All heavy atoms as atom14 arrays in JSON, in Angstrom:
{
  "sequence": "NMMGLAAGMTIGGKIPFTGTFANFSTGRVYDQIRQSIAYSHKNVKICA",
  "atom14_mask": [
    [1, 1, 1, 1, 1, 1, 1, 1, 0, 0, 0, 0, 0, 0],
    [1, 1, 1, 1, 1, 1, 1, 1, 0, 0, 0, 0, 0, 0],
    [1, 1, 1, 1, 1, 1, 1, 1, 0, 0, 0, 0, 0, 0],
    [1, 1, 1, 1, 0, 0, 0, 0, 0, 0, 0, 0, 0, 0],
    [1, 1, 1, 1, 1, 1, 1, 1, 0, 0, 0, 0, 0, 0],
    [1, 1, 1, 1, 1, 0, 0, 0, 0, 0, 0, 0, 0, 0],
    [1, 1, 1, 1, 1, 0, 0, 0, 0, 0, 0, 0, 0, 0],
    [1, 1, 1, 1, 0, 0, 0, 0, 0, 0, 0, 0, 0, 0],
    [1, 1, 1, 1, 1, 1, 1, 1, 0, 0, 0, 0, 0, 0],
    [1, 1, 1, 1, 1, 1, 1, 0, 0, 0, 0, 0, 0, 0],
    [1, 1, 1, 1, 1, 1, 1, 1, 0, 0, 0, 0, 0, 0],
    [1, 1, 1, 1, 0, 0, 0, 0, 0, 0, 0, 0, 0, 0],
    [1, 1, 1, 1, 0, 0, 0, 0, 0, 0, 0, 0, 0, 0],
    [1, 1, 1, 1, 1, 1, 1, 1, 1, 0, 0, 0, 0, 0],
    [1, 1, 1, 1, 1, 1, 1, 1, 0, 0, 0, 0, 0, 0],
    [1, 1, 1, 1, 1, 1, 1, 0, 0, 0, 0, 0, 0, 0],
    [1, 1, 1, 1, 1, 1, 1, 1, 1, 1, 1, 0, 0, 0],
    [1, 1, 1, 1, 1, 1, 1, 0, 0, 0, 0, 0, 0, 0],
    [1, 1, 1, 1, 0, 0, 0, 0, 0, 0, 0, 0, 0, 0],
    [1, 1, 1, 1, 1, 1, 1, 0, 0, 0, 0, 0, 0, 0],
    [1, 1, 1, 1, 1, 1, 1, 1, 1, 1, 1, 0, 0, 0],
    [1, 1, 1, 1, 1, 0, 0, 0, 0, 0, 0, 0, 0, 0],
    [1, 1, 1, 1, 1, 1, 1, 1, 0, 0, 0, 0, 0, 0],
    [1, 1, 1, 1, 1, 1, 1, 1, 1, 1, 1, 0, 0, 0],
    [1, 1, 1, 1, 1, 1, 0, 0, 0, 0, 0, 0, 0, 0],
    [1, 1, 1, 1, 1, 1, 1, 0, 0, 0, 0, 0, 0, 0],
    [1, 1, 1, 1, 0, 0, 0, 0, 0, 0, 0, 0, 0, 0],
    [1, 1, 1, 1, 1, 1, 1, 1, 1, 1, 1, 0, 0, 0],
    [1, 1, 1, 1, 1, 1, 1, 0, 0, 0, 0, 0, 0, 0],
    [1, 1, 1, 1, 1, 1, 1, 1, 1, 1, 1, 1, 0, 0],
    [1, 1, 1, 1, 1, 1, 1, 1, 0, 0, 0, 0, 0, 0],
    [1, 1, 1, 1, 1, 1, 1, 1, 1, 0, 0, 0, 0, 0],
    [1, 1, 1, 1, 1, 1, 1, 1, 0, 0, 0, 0, 0, 0],
    [1, 1, 1, 1, 1, 1, 1, 1, 1, 1, 1, 0, 0, 0],
    [1, 1, 1, 1, 1, 1, 1, 1, 1, 0, 0, 0, 0, 0],
    [1, 1, 1, 1, 1, 1, 0, 0, 0, 0, 0, 0, 0, 0],
    [1, 1, 1, 1, 1, 1, 1, 1, 0, 0, 0, 0, 0, 0],
    [1, 1, 1, 1, 1, 0, 0, 0, 0, 0, 0, 0, 0, 0],
    [1, 1, 1, 1, 1, 1, 1, 1, 1, 1, 1, 1, 0, 0],
    [1, 1, 1, 1, 1, 1, 0, 0, 0, 0, 0, 0, 0, 0],
    [1, 1, 1, 1, 1, 1, 1, 1, 1, 1, 0, 0, 0, 0],
    [1, 1, 1, 1, 1, 1, 1, 1, 1, 0, 0, 0, 0, 0],
    [1, 1, 1, 1, 1, 1, 1, 1, 0, 0, 0, 0, 0, 0],
    [1, 1, 1, 1, 1, 1, 1, 0, 0, 0, 0, 0, 0, 0],
    [1, 1, 1, 1, 1, 1, 1, 1, 1, 0, 0, 0, 0, 0],
    [1, 1, 1, 1, 1, 1, 1, 1, 0, 0, 0, 0, 0, 0],
    [1, 1, 1, 1, 1, 1, 0, 0, 0, 0, 0, 0, 0, 0],
    [1, 1, 1, 1, 1, 0, 0, 0, 0, 0, 0, 0, 0, 0]
  ],
  "atom14_positions": [
    [[-19.13, -10.69, -9.71], [-20.57, -10.84, -9.78], [-20.95, -12.3, -10.06], [-21.93, -12.82, -9.5], [-21.14, -9.93, -10.87], [-22.65, -9.93, -10.92], [-23.31, -9.86, -9.89], [-23.19, -10.0, -12.13], [0.0, 0.0, 0.0], [0.0, 0.0, 0.0], [0.0, 0.0, 0.0], [0.0, 0.0, 0.0], [0.0, 0.0, 0.0], [0.0, 0.0, 0.0]],
    [[-20.17, -12.97, -10.91], [-20.45, -14.36, -11.23], [-20.41, -15.23, -9.98], [-21.26, -16.12, -9.79], [-19.42, -14.88, -12.25], [-19.62, -16.34, -12.64], [-18.58, -16.85, -14.05], [-16.94, -16.78, -13.32], [0.0, 0.0, 0.0], [0.0, 0.0, 0.0], [0.0, 0.0, 0.0], [0.0, 0.0, 0.0], [0.0, 0.0, 0.0], [0.0, 0.0, 0.0]],
    [[-19.44, -15.0, -9.11], [-19.35, -15.8, -7.88], [-20.53, -15.54, -6.96], [-21.08, -16.46, -6.34], [-18.03, -15.51, -7.15], [-16.79, -15.92, -7.93], [-16.8, -17.68, -8.36], [-15.42, -17.76, -9.51], [0.0, 0.0, 0.0], [0.0, 0.0, 0.0], [0.0, 0.0, 0.0], [0.0, 0.0, 0.0], [0.0, 0.0, 0.0], [0.0, 0.0, 0.0]],
    [[-20.95, -14.29, -6.88], [-22.11, -13.98, -6.06], [-23.38, -14.6, -6.61], [-24.21, -15.15, -5.85], [0.0, 0.0, 0.0], [0.0, 0.0, 0.0], [0.0, 0.0, 0.0], [0.0, 0.0, 0.0], [0.0, 0.0, 0.0], [0.0, 0.0, 0.0], [0.0, 0.0, 0.0], [0.0, 0.0, 0.0], [0.0, 0.0, 0.0], [0.0, 0.0, 0.0]],
    [[-23.55, -14.54, -7.92], [-24.72, -15.17, -8.55], [-24.73, -16.68, -8.29], [-25.76, -17.26, -7.97], [-24.69, -14.91, -10.05], [-25.06, -13.51, -10.54], [-24.73, -13.36, -12.02], [-26.53, -13.22, -10.28], [0.0, 0.0, 0.0], [0.0, 0.0, 0.0], [0.0, 0.0, 0.0], [0.0, 0.0, 0.0], [0.0, 0.0, 0.0], [0.0, 0.0, 0.0]],
    [[-23.56, -17.29, -8.45], [-23.46, -18.74, -8.24], [-23.83, -19.12, -6.82], [-24.58, -20.08, -6.58], [-22.05, -19.21, -8.58], [0.0, 0.0, 0.0], [0.0, 0.0, 0.0], [0.0, 0.0, 0.0], [0.0, 0.0, 0.0], [0.0, 0.0, 0.0], [0.0, 0.0, 0.0], [0.0, 0.0, 0.0], [0.0, 0.0, 0.0], [0.0, 0.0, 0.0]],
    [[-23.32, -18.36, -5.86], [-23.63, -18.65, -4.46], [-25.14, -18.56, -4.22], [-25.73, -19.41, -3.54], [-22.88, -17.68, -3.54], [0.0, 0.0, 0.0], [0.0, 0.0, 0.0], [0.0, 0.0, 0.0], [0.0, 0.0, 0.0], [0.0, 0.0, 0.0], [0.0, 0.0, 0.0], [0.0, 0.0, 0.0], [0.0, 0.0, 0.0], [0.0, 0.0, 0.0]],
    [[-25.78, -17.54, -4.79], [-27.22, -17.38, -4.61], [-28.02, -18.5, -5.24], [-29.04, -18.94, -4.68], [0.0, 0.0, 0.0], [0.0, 0.0, 0.0], [0.0, 0.0, 0.0], [0.0, 0.0, 0.0], [0.0, 0.0, 0.0], [0.0, 0.0, 0.0], [0.0, 0.0, 0.0], [0.0, 0.0, 0.0], [0.0, 0.0, 0.0], [0.0, 0.0, 0.0]],
    [[-27.57, -19.0, -6.38], [-28.3, -20.07, -7.06], [-28.35, -21.36, -6.26], [-29.29, -22.14, -6.39], [-27.66, -20.33, -8.43], [-27.91, -19.24, -9.44], [-27.07, -19.58, -11.01], [-27.64, -18.2, -12.0], [0.0, 0.0, 0.0], [0.0, 0.0, 0.0], [0.0, 0.0, 0.0], [0.0, 0.0, 0.0], [0.0, 0.0, 0.0], [0.0, 0.0, 0.0]],
    [[-27.36, -21.57, -5.42], [-27.35, -22.81, -4.62], [-28.5, -22.84, -3.62], [-28.95, -23.92, -3.23], [-26.03, -22.98, -3.86], [-25.89, -21.94, -2.86], [-24.84, -22.94, -4.79], [0.0, 0.0, 0.0], [0.0, 0.0, 0.0], [0.0, 0.0, 0.0], [0.0, 0.0, 0.0], [0.0, 0.0, 0.0], [0.0, 0.0, 0.0], [0.0, 0.0, 0.0]],
    [[-28.97, -21.68, -3.22], [-30.06, -21.62, -2.24], [-31.33, -22.27, -2.79], [-32.1, -22.88, -2.06], [-30.31, -20.16, -1.82], [-29.06, -19.58, -1.14], [-31.52, -20.06, -0.89], [-29.13, -18.1, -0.86], [0.0, 0.0, 0.0], [0.0, 0.0, 0.0], [0.0, 0.0, 0.0], [0.0, 0.0, 0.0], [0.0, 0.0, 0.0], [0.0, 0.0, 0.0]],
    [[-31.49, -22.2, -4.1], [-32.65, -22.82, -4.74], [-32.4, -24.25, -5.19], [-33.2, -24.81, -5.94], [0.0, 0.0, 0.0], [0.0, 0.0, 0.0], [0.0, 0.0, 0.0], [0.0, 0.0, 0.0], [0.0, 0.0, 0.0], [0.0, 0.0, 0.0], [0.0, 0.0, 0.0], [0.0, 0.0, 0.0], [0.0, 0.0, 0.0], [0.0, 0.0, 0.0]],
    [[-31.27, -24.83, -4.76], [-30.99, -26.21, -5.08], [-30.22, -26.43, -6.37], [-30.0, -27.57, -6.77], [0.0, 0.0, 0.0], [0.0, 0.0, 0.0], [0.0, 0.0, 0.0], [0.0, 0.0, 0.0], [0.0, 0.0, 0.0], [0.0, 0.0, 0.0], [0.0, 0.0, 0.0], [0.0, 0.0, 0.0], [0.0, 0.0, 0.0], [0.0, 0.0, 0.0]],
    [[-29.8, -25.35, -7.01], [-29.02, -25.48, -8.23], [-27.56, -25.83, -7.89], [-27.08, -25.56, -6.79], [-29.07, -24.21, -9.07], [-30.47, -23.8, -9.5], [-31.16, -24.92, -10.29], [-32.57, -24.51, -10.71], [-33.28, -25.64, -11.38], [0.0, 0.0, 0.0], [0.0, 0.0, 0.0], [0.0, 0.0, 0.0], [0.0, 0.0, 0.0], [0.0, 0.0, 0.0]],
    [[-26.88, -26.42, -8.88], [-25.46, -26.76, -8.73], [-24.7, -25.94, -9.77], [-24.56, -26.36, -10.93], [-25.21, -28.27, -8.94], [-26.11, -29.1, -8.02], [-23.73, -28.6, -8.69], [-26.04, -30.6, -8.3], [0.0, 0.0, 0.0], [0.0, 0.0, 0.0], [0.0, 0.0, 0.0], [0.0, 0.0, 0.0], [0.0, 0.0, 0.0], [0.0, 0.0, 0.0]],
    [[-24.21, -24.76, -9.4], [-23.57, -23.87, -10.37], [-22.12, -24.28, -10.65], [-21.35, -24.56, -9.73], [-23.62, -22.51, -9.69], [-24.45, -22.67, -8.46], [-24.37, -24.12, -8.1], [0.0, 0.0, 0.0], [0.0, 0.0, 0.0], [0.0, 0.0, 0.0], [0.0, 0.0, 0.0], [0.0, 0.0, 0.0], [0.0, 0.0, 0.0], [0.0, 0.0, 0.0]],
    [[-21.78, -24.28, -11.94], [-20.41, -24.46, -12.41], [-19.97, -23.13, -13.02], [-20.53, -22.71, -14.03], [-20.32, -25.57, -13.45], [-20.33, -26.96, -12.89], [-21.44, -27.47, -12.23], [-19.21, -27.78, -13.01], [-21.45, -28.76, -11.73], [-19.21, -29.07, -12.5], [-20.32, -29.57, -11.85], [0.0, 0.0, 0.0], [0.0, 0.0, 0.0], [0.0, 0.0, 0.0]],
    [[-18.98, -22.48, -12.41], [-18.49, -21.22, -12.97], [-17.27, -21.51, -13.84], [-16.49, -22.41, -13.56], [-18.1, -20.22, -11.87], [-16.95, -20.71, -11.15], [-19.25, -20.0, -10.91], [0.0, 0.0, 0.0], [0.0, 0.0, 0.0], [0.0, 0.0, 0.0], [0.0, 0.0, 0.0], [0.0, 0.0, 0.0], [0.0, 0.0, 0.0], [0.0, 0.0, 0.0]],
    [[-17.1, -20.73, -14.9], [-16.0, -20.96, -15.81], [-15.3, -19.69, -16.24], [-15.92, -18.77, -16.77], [0.0, 0.0, 0.0], [0.0, 0.0, 0.0], [0.0, 0.0, 0.0], [0.0, 0.0, 0.0], [0.0, 0.0, 0.0], [0.0, 0.0, 0.0], [0.0, 0.0, 0.0], [0.0, 0.0, 0.0], [0.0, 0.0, 0.0], [0.0, 0.0, 0.0]],
    [[-13.98, -19.63, -15.99], [-13.12, -18.58, -16.52], [-11.67, -19.03, -16.31], [-11.41, -20.14, -15.84], [-13.4, -17.22, -15.87], [-12.6, -16.21, -16.52], [-13.07, -17.21, -14.38], [0.0, 0.0, 0.0], [0.0, 0.0, 0.0], [0.0, 0.0, 0.0], [0.0, 0.0, 0.0], [0.0, 0.0, 0.0], [0.0, 0.0, 0.0], [0.0, 0.0, 0.0]],
    [[-10.71, -18.18, -16.68], [-9.3, -18.51, -16.48], [-9.0, -18.63, -14.98], [-9.64, -17.97, -14.15], [-8.4, -17.44, -17.08], [-8.38, -17.4, -18.58], [-9.17, -18.24, -19.35], [-7.55, -16.51, -19.25], [-9.14, -18.21, -20.74], [-7.51, -16.47, -20.64], [-8.31, -17.31, -21.39], [0.0, 0.0, 0.0], [0.0, 0.0, 0.0], [0.0, 0.0, 0.0]],
    [[-8.0, -19.43, -14.64], [-7.66, -19.67, -13.24], [-7.31, -18.39, -12.5], [-7.66, -18.22, -11.32], [-6.5, -20.66, -13.14], [0.0, 0.0, 0.0], [0.0, 0.0, 0.0], [0.0, 0.0, 0.0], [0.0, 0.0, 0.0], [0.0, 0.0, 0.0], [0.0, 0.0, 0.0], [0.0, 0.0, 0.0], [0.0, 0.0, 0.0], [0.0, 0.0, 0.0]],
    [[-6.64, -17.48, -13.18], [-6.27, -16.22, -12.53], [-7.51, -15.43, -12.12], [-7.58, -14.86, -11.03], [-5.4, -15.39, -13.48], [-4.7, -14.24, -12.78], [-4.51, -14.27, -11.57], [-4.32, -13.24, -13.53], [0.0, 0.0, 0.0], [0.0, 0.0, 0.0], [0.0, 0.0, 0.0], [0.0, 0.0, 0.0], [0.0, 0.0, 0.0], [0.0, 0.0, 0.0]],
    [[-8.51, -15.43, -13.02], [-9.73, -14.68, -12.74], [-10.69, -15.46, -11.84], [-11.6, -14.88, -11.26], [-10.43, -14.32, -14.05], [-9.53, -13.7, -15.08], [-9.7, -13.98, -16.43], [-8.5, -12.86, -14.71], [-8.87, -13.42, -17.39], [-7.65, -12.3, -15.65], [-7.84, -12.58, -17.0], [0.0, 0.0, 0.0], [0.0, 0.0, 0.0], [0.0, 0.0, 0.0]],
    [[-10.48, -16.77, -11.76], [-11.33, -17.62, -10.91], [-10.94, -17.57, -9.45], [-11.7, -18.02, -8.59], [-11.23, -19.08, -11.38], [-11.89, -19.28, -12.6], [0.0, 0.0, 0.0], [0.0, 0.0, 0.0], [0.0, 0.0, 0.0], [0.0, 0.0, 0.0], [0.0, 0.0, 0.0], [0.0, 0.0, 0.0], [0.0, 0.0, 0.0], [0.0, 0.0, 0.0]],
    [[-9.75, -17.05, -9.17], [-9.23, -17.1, -7.79], [-8.76, -15.74, -7.31], [-9.4, -15.1, -6.49], [-8.09, -18.13, -7.69], [-7.05, -17.79, -8.63], [-8.58, -19.53, -7.98], [0.0, 0.0, 0.0], [0.0, 0.0, 0.0], [0.0, 0.0, 0.0], [0.0, 0.0, 0.0], [0.0, 0.0, 0.0], [0.0, 0.0, 0.0], [0.0, 0.0, 0.0]],
    [[-7.63, -15.28, -7.84], [-7.05, -14.03, -7.36], [-7.97, -12.83, -7.49], [-8.11, -12.02, -6.58], [0.0, 0.0, 0.0], [0.0, 0.0, 0.0], [0.0, 0.0, 0.0], [0.0, 0.0, 0.0], [0.0, 0.0, 0.0], [0.0, 0.0, 0.0], [0.0, 0.0, 0.0], [0.0, 0.0, 0.0], [0.0, 0.0, 0.0], [0.0, 0.0, 0.0]],
    [[-8.63, -12.71, -8.64], [-9.49, -11.55, -8.88], [-10.71, -11.55, -7.99], [-11.25, -10.48, -7.67], [-9.9, -11.52, -10.37], [-10.83, -10.37, -10.72], [-11.06, -10.27, -12.2], [-9.88, -9.8, -12.91], [-9.85, -9.57, -14.22], [-10.92, -9.78, -14.96], [-8.76, -9.12, -14.81], [0.0, 0.0, 0.0], [0.0, 0.0, 0.0], [0.0, 0.0, 0.0]],
    [[-11.16, -12.72, -7.57], [-12.45, -12.81, -6.86], [-12.31, -13.48, -5.49], [-13.26, -14.05, -4.97], [-13.47, -13.6, -7.72], [-13.81, -12.82, -8.97], [-12.93, -14.98, -8.08], [0.0, 0.0, 0.0], [0.0, 0.0, 0.0], [0.0, 0.0, 0.0], [0.0, 0.0, 0.0], [0.0, 0.0, 0.0], [0.0, 0.0, 0.0], [0.0, 0.0, 0.0]],
    [[-11.13, -13.37, -4.91], [-10.89, -14.12, -3.67], [-11.84, -13.71, -2.54], [-12.32, -14.56, -1.8], [-9.44, -13.92, -3.22], [-8.99, -14.96, -2.22], [-8.81, -16.28, -2.61], [-8.73, -14.63, -0.89], [-8.39, -17.25, -1.72], [-8.31, -15.59, 0.01], [-8.13, -16.9, -0.41], [-7.71, -17.86, 0.49], [0.0, 0.0, 0.0], [0.0, 0.0, 0.0]],
    [[-12.13, -12.45, -2.44], [-13.03, -12.0, -1.37], [-14.42, -12.59, -1.55], [-15.03, -13.07, -0.59], [-13.11, -10.47, -1.37], [-14.0, -9.96, -0.25], [-13.7, -10.23, 0.92], [-15.01, -9.28, -0.56], [0.0, 0.0, 0.0], [0.0, 0.0, 0.0], [0.0, 0.0, 0.0], [0.0, 0.0, 0.0], [0.0, 0.0, 0.0], [0.0, 0.0, 0.0]],
    [[-14.92, -12.58, -2.77], [-16.26, -13.13, -3.02], [-16.3, -14.63, -2.74], [-17.28, -15.14, -2.19], [-16.68, -12.86, -4.47], [-17.1, -11.42, -4.74], [-15.93, -10.46, -4.76], [-14.79, -10.85, -5.04], [-16.19, -9.19, -4.48], [0.0, 0.0, 0.0], [0.0, 0.0, 0.0], [0.0, 0.0, 0.0], [0.0, 0.0, 0.0], [0.0, 0.0, 0.0]],
    [[-15.24, -15.35, -3.14], [-15.2, -16.79, -2.86], [-15.14, -17.03, -1.36], [-15.85, -17.89, -0.83], [-13.99, -17.44, -3.56], [-14.17, -17.41, -5.08], [-13.8, -18.88, -3.09], [-12.97, -17.91, -5.86], [0.0, 0.0, 0.0], [0.0, 0.0, 0.0], [0.0, 0.0, 0.0], [0.0, 0.0, 0.0], [0.0, 0.0, 0.0], [0.0, 0.0, 0.0]],
    [[-14.31, -16.27, -0.67], [-14.16, -16.48, 0.78], [-15.47, -16.22, 1.51], [-15.91, -17.03, 2.34], [-13.06, -15.57, 1.33], [-12.79, -15.78, 2.82], [-11.77, -14.77, 3.34], [-11.4, -15.1, 4.7], [-12.05, -14.71, 5.79], [-13.16, -13.98, 5.65], [-11.64, -15.04, 6.99], [0.0, 0.0, 0.0], [0.0, 0.0, 0.0], [0.0, 0.0, 0.0]],
    [[-16.09, -15.09, 1.22], [-17.26, -14.68, 1.99], [-18.55, -15.38, 1.55], [-19.31, -15.88, 2.37], [-17.45, -13.16, 1.88], [-16.23, -12.32, 2.22], [-15.79, -12.43, 3.66], [-15.35, -13.49, 4.11], [-15.9, -11.34, 4.4], [0.0, 0.0, 0.0], [0.0, 0.0, 0.0], [0.0, 0.0, 0.0], [0.0, 0.0, 0.0], [0.0, 0.0, 0.0]],
    [[-18.79, -15.4, 0.23], [-20.08, -15.87, -0.27], [-20.15, -17.37, -0.52], [-21.22, -17.95, -0.49], [-20.43, -15.13, -1.57], [-20.55, -13.74, -1.34], [0.0, 0.0, 0.0], [0.0, 0.0, 0.0], [0.0, 0.0, 0.0], [0.0, 0.0, 0.0], [0.0, 0.0, 0.0], [0.0, 0.0, 0.0], [0.0, 0.0, 0.0], [0.0, 0.0, 0.0]],
    [[-18.98, -17.99, -0.76], [-18.97, -19.41, -1.1], [-18.36, -20.27, 0.01], [-19.02, -21.16, 0.54], [-18.23, -19.65, -2.44], [-18.99, -18.94, -3.58], [-18.1, -21.14, -2.73], [-18.29, -18.99, -4.92], [0.0, 0.0, 0.0], [0.0, 0.0, 0.0], [0.0, 0.0, 0.0], [0.0, 0.0, 0.0], [0.0, 0.0, 0.0], [0.0, 0.0, 0.0]],
    [[-17.11, -19.99, 0.38], [-16.44, -20.86, 1.36], [-17.02, -20.68, 2.76], [-17.4, -21.65, 3.41], [-14.94, -20.57, 1.36], [0.0, 0.0, 0.0], [0.0, 0.0, 0.0], [0.0, 0.0, 0.0], [0.0, 0.0, 0.0], [0.0, 0.0, 0.0], [0.0, 0.0, 0.0], [0.0, 0.0, 0.0], [0.0, 0.0, 0.0], [0.0, 0.0, 0.0]],
    [[-17.11, -19.44, 3.22], [-17.63, -19.18, 4.57], [-19.07, -19.67, 4.71], [-19.46, -20.23, 5.74], [-17.54, -17.69, 4.88], [-18.12, -17.31, 6.22], [-17.51, -17.7, 7.41], [-19.3, -16.54, 6.3], [-18.05, -17.36, 8.64], [-19.84, -16.21, 7.52], [-19.21, -16.61, 8.69], [-19.76, -16.28, 9.9], [0.0, 0.0, 0.0], [0.0, 0.0, 0.0]],
    [[-19.84, -19.51, 3.64], [-21.24, -19.92, 3.66], [-21.42, -21.38, 3.25], [-22.54, -21.89, 3.25], [-22.05, -19.03, 2.71], [-21.91, -17.67, 3.06], [0.0, 0.0, 0.0], [0.0, 0.0, 0.0], [0.0, 0.0, 0.0], [0.0, 0.0, 0.0], [0.0, 0.0, 0.0], [0.0, 0.0, 0.0], [0.0, 0.0, 0.0], [0.0, 0.0, 0.0]],
    [[-20.33, -22.04, 2.89], [-20.32, -23.44, 2.46], [-21.37, -23.69, 1.38], [-22.23, -24.57, 1.49], [-20.53, -24.39, 3.64], [-20.1, -25.8, 3.33], [-18.78, -26.16, 3.18], [-20.81, -26.93, 3.12], [-18.7, -27.45, 2.91], [-19.93, -27.94, 2.85], [0.0, 0.0, 0.0], [0.0, 0.0, 0.0], [0.0, 0.0, 0.0], [0.0, 0.0, 0.0]],
    [[-21.28, -22.89, 0.33], [-22.22, -23.03, -0.79], [-21.71, -24.08, -1.79], [-20.5, -24.24, -2.0], [-22.41, -21.69, -1.5], [-23.02, -20.6, -0.64], [-24.38, -20.99, -0.09], [-25.03, -19.84, 0.65], [-26.13, -20.28, 1.53], [0.0, 0.0, 0.0], [0.0, 0.0, 0.0], [0.0, 0.0, 0.0], [0.0, 0.0, 0.0], [0.0, 0.0, 0.0]],
    [[-22.63, -24.76, -2.42], [-22.33, -25.87, -3.31], [-21.97, -25.38, -4.71], [-22.61, -25.73, -5.7], [-23.53, -26.83, -3.36], [-23.19, -28.15, -4.0], [-22.06, -28.63, -3.9], [-24.16, -28.76, -4.65], [0.0, 0.0, 0.0], [0.0, 0.0, 0.0], [0.0, 0.0, 0.0], [0.0, 0.0, 0.0], [0.0, 0.0, 0.0], [0.0, 0.0, 0.0]],
    [[-20.92, -24.56, -4.8], [-20.47, -23.96, -6.05], [-19.23, -24.7, -6.55], [-18.33, -25.0, -5.77], [-20.16, -22.46, -5.87], [-19.58, -21.87, -7.17], [-21.41, -21.7, -5.46], [0.0, 0.0, 0.0], [0.0, 0.0, 0.0], [0.0, 0.0, 0.0], [0.0, 0.0, 0.0], [0.0, 0.0, 0.0], [0.0, 0.0, 0.0], [0.0, 0.0, 0.0]],
    [[-19.17, -24.97, -7.85], [-18.03, -25.61, -8.47], [-17.26, -24.57, -9.29], [-17.75, -24.11, -10.34], [-18.47, -26.78, -9.37], [-19.55, -27.67, -8.74], [-19.2, -28.2, -7.35], [-20.38, -28.93, -6.72], [-20.13, -29.36, -5.34], [0.0, 0.0, 0.0], [0.0, 0.0, 0.0], [0.0, 0.0, 0.0], [0.0, 0.0, 0.0], [0.0, 0.0, 0.0]],
    [[-16.11, -24.16, -8.79], [-15.3, -23.12, -9.42], [-14.34, -23.81, -10.38], [-13.38, -24.47, -9.96], [-14.53, -22.32, -8.36], [-15.51, -21.71, -7.36], [-13.67, -21.25, -9.01], [-14.86, -21.22, -6.08], [0.0, 0.0, 0.0], [0.0, 0.0, 0.0], [0.0, 0.0, 0.0], [0.0, 0.0, 0.0], [0.0, 0.0, 0.0], [0.0, 0.0, 0.0]],
    [[-14.6, -23.69, -11.67], [-13.87, -24.45, -12.68], [-12.94, -23.5, -13.44], [-13.41, -22.53, -14.05], [-14.84, -25.14, -13.62], [-15.98, -26.24, -12.71], [0.0, 0.0, 0.0], [0.0, 0.0, 0.0], [0.0, 0.0, 0.0], [0.0, 0.0, 0.0], [0.0, 0.0, 0.0], [0.0, 0.0, 0.0], [0.0, 0.0, 0.0], [0.0, 0.0, 0.0]],
    [[-11.66, -23.8, -13.41], [-10.65, -22.83, -13.83], [-9.72, -23.41, -14.89], [-9.01, -24.39, -14.65], [-9.84, -22.38, -12.62], [0.0, 0.0, 0.0], [0.0, 0.0, 0.0], [0.0, 0.0, 0.0], [0.0, 0.0, 0.0], [0.0, 0.0, 0.0], [0.0, 0.0, 0.0], [0.0, 0.0, 0.0], [0.0, 0.0, 0.0], [0.0, 0.0, 0.0]]
  ]
}
């Protein structure tokens, strides 16, 4: 949910920095990062 929220916030010009452990920042949320952030080229900073 955090990754989806972050992706949405970029639409309004915000620069979201997400924070959690590296395992939860990538493996747990890979689908959300791929679809909502990378594919959509959203300005999200995934900090792990």
